[in-house]
Protein backbone atom coordinates (compact mmCIF):
# COMPACT_ATOMS: atom_id res chain seq x y z
CA MET A 1 43.71 33.08 -52.81
CA LYS A 2 47.25 33.96 -51.86
CA ARG A 3 50.02 33.28 -54.36
CA VAL A 4 53.12 31.90 -52.64
CA GLY A 5 56.59 31.79 -54.19
CA PHE A 6 59.55 30.16 -52.51
CA GLN A 7 62.97 28.75 -53.24
CA PHE A 8 65.38 26.13 -51.96
CA LYS A 9 68.46 24.36 -53.29
CA VAL A 10 69.05 20.80 -54.51
CA ARG A 11 72.51 19.26 -54.80
CA THR A 12 73.72 19.60 -58.39
CA ASP A 13 74.99 16.02 -58.44
CA ARG A 14 71.45 14.79 -57.58
CA LEU A 15 69.37 16.98 -59.91
CA GLU A 16 68.60 14.27 -62.45
CA ASP A 17 67.37 11.84 -59.78
CA TYR A 18 65.48 14.58 -57.96
CA ASN A 19 63.69 15.50 -61.17
CA GLU A 20 62.93 11.85 -61.97
CA HIS A 21 61.32 11.29 -58.54
CA HIS A 22 59.03 14.24 -59.17
CA LYS A 23 57.73 12.56 -62.32
CA HIS A 24 56.38 9.84 -60.01
CA VAL A 25 55.22 11.61 -56.84
CA TRP A 26 53.35 9.19 -54.61
CA PRO A 27 49.58 9.41 -55.15
CA GLU A 28 49.00 9.80 -51.42
CA MET A 29 51.42 12.76 -51.35
CA LEU A 30 49.57 14.41 -54.23
CA ALA A 31 46.28 13.84 -52.40
CA ALA A 32 47.71 15.35 -49.20
CA LEU A 33 48.87 18.48 -51.03
CA ARG A 34 45.43 18.92 -52.56
CA ALA A 35 43.66 18.26 -49.25
CA THR A 36 45.75 20.87 -47.44
CA GLY A 37 45.10 23.55 -50.05
CA TRP A 38 48.22 23.57 -52.22
CA GLY A 39 46.59 24.59 -55.52
CA ASN A 40 48.44 25.08 -58.81
CA TYR A 41 51.60 23.81 -57.10
CA THR A 42 54.48 24.13 -59.56
CA LEU A 43 58.26 23.63 -59.26
CA PHE A 44 60.88 25.14 -61.58
CA MET A 45 64.50 24.01 -61.66
CA ARG A 46 67.64 25.91 -62.60
CA ALA A 47 70.75 24.04 -63.78
CA ASP A 48 72.65 25.00 -60.60
CA GLY A 49 70.04 23.31 -58.38
CA LEU A 50 68.05 26.38 -57.39
CA ILE A 51 64.38 25.43 -57.17
CA PHE A 52 61.59 27.97 -57.42
CA GLY A 53 58.22 26.81 -56.18
CA TYR A 54 54.81 28.38 -56.57
CA PHE A 55 51.37 27.53 -55.25
CA GLU A 56 48.07 29.16 -54.46
CA THR A 57 46.40 28.80 -51.08
CA ALA A 58 43.85 30.35 -48.79
CA HIS A 59 46.52 30.25 -46.08
CA SER A 60 49.96 31.65 -45.44
CA LEU A 61 53.04 29.63 -46.38
CA HIS A 62 53.54 28.84 -42.69
CA GLU A 63 49.95 27.58 -42.30
CA ALA A 64 50.14 25.51 -45.49
CA GLN A 65 53.42 23.97 -44.33
CA ALA A 66 51.99 23.23 -40.87
CA ALA A 67 49.02 21.42 -42.41
CA MET A 68 51.37 19.22 -44.43
CA ALA A 69 53.78 18.70 -41.51
CA ALA A 70 50.94 17.10 -39.54
CA LEU A 71 50.64 14.30 -42.11
CA ASP A 72 52.67 11.10 -42.00
CA VAL A 73 52.98 10.95 -45.79
CA ASN A 74 54.74 14.32 -45.79
CA THR A 75 57.23 13.15 -43.17
CA ARG A 76 57.98 10.04 -45.23
CA TRP A 77 58.35 12.06 -48.46
CA GLN A 78 60.63 14.64 -46.84
CA GLU A 79 62.83 11.91 -45.37
CA PHE A 80 62.95 10.18 -48.76
CA MET A 81 64.01 13.43 -50.47
CA ALA A 82 66.42 14.65 -47.75
CA GLY A 83 69.51 13.30 -49.50
CA PHE A 84 68.86 15.56 -52.47
CA MET A 85 68.92 18.82 -50.51
CA ASP A 86 71.88 21.19 -50.57
CA GLY A 87 72.69 22.11 -46.98
CA ALA A 88 69.29 21.24 -45.52
CA ALA A 89 67.89 18.02 -44.20
CA ARG A 90 64.33 18.77 -45.35
CA ALA A 91 63.28 21.14 -48.10
CA ASP A 92 59.89 21.82 -46.50
CA GLU A 93 61.57 23.27 -43.42
CA ASN A 94 63.90 25.49 -45.42
CA PHE A 95 61.67 27.25 -47.93
CA MET A 96 62.71 30.85 -48.38
CA GLU A 97 59.49 32.70 -49.13
CA LEU A 98 59.75 35.32 -51.85
CA THR A 99 57.88 38.61 -51.83
CA GLU A 100 55.37 39.10 -54.61
CA TYR A 101 55.91 42.52 -56.14
CA PHE A 102 54.08 42.34 -59.48
CA HIS A 103 51.16 40.39 -60.91
CA LEU A 104 49.48 40.79 -64.31
CA ASP A 105 45.94 39.50 -64.10
């Protein structure tokens, strides 16, 4: 499994709502993430809107994103969340992948 870390930015004036929506992610979106291999998917939020995401996959970030992009539920979720993004229409198209440089097993 490959560990993938990435970041993107959410508007600071929308952080509370953004967080609240993630407490109630659509069941079909959760199922799509699982079906496309996004294991142990976790999001962390900083007070200034910087989001750090992490997941484990058998694929690259690009391949995992492509699998999700092919699904209608992802398109609907990304459009629903677009108003929360800082400078980007869709978070899933603006992930900045981070380089793993240390791992304690």
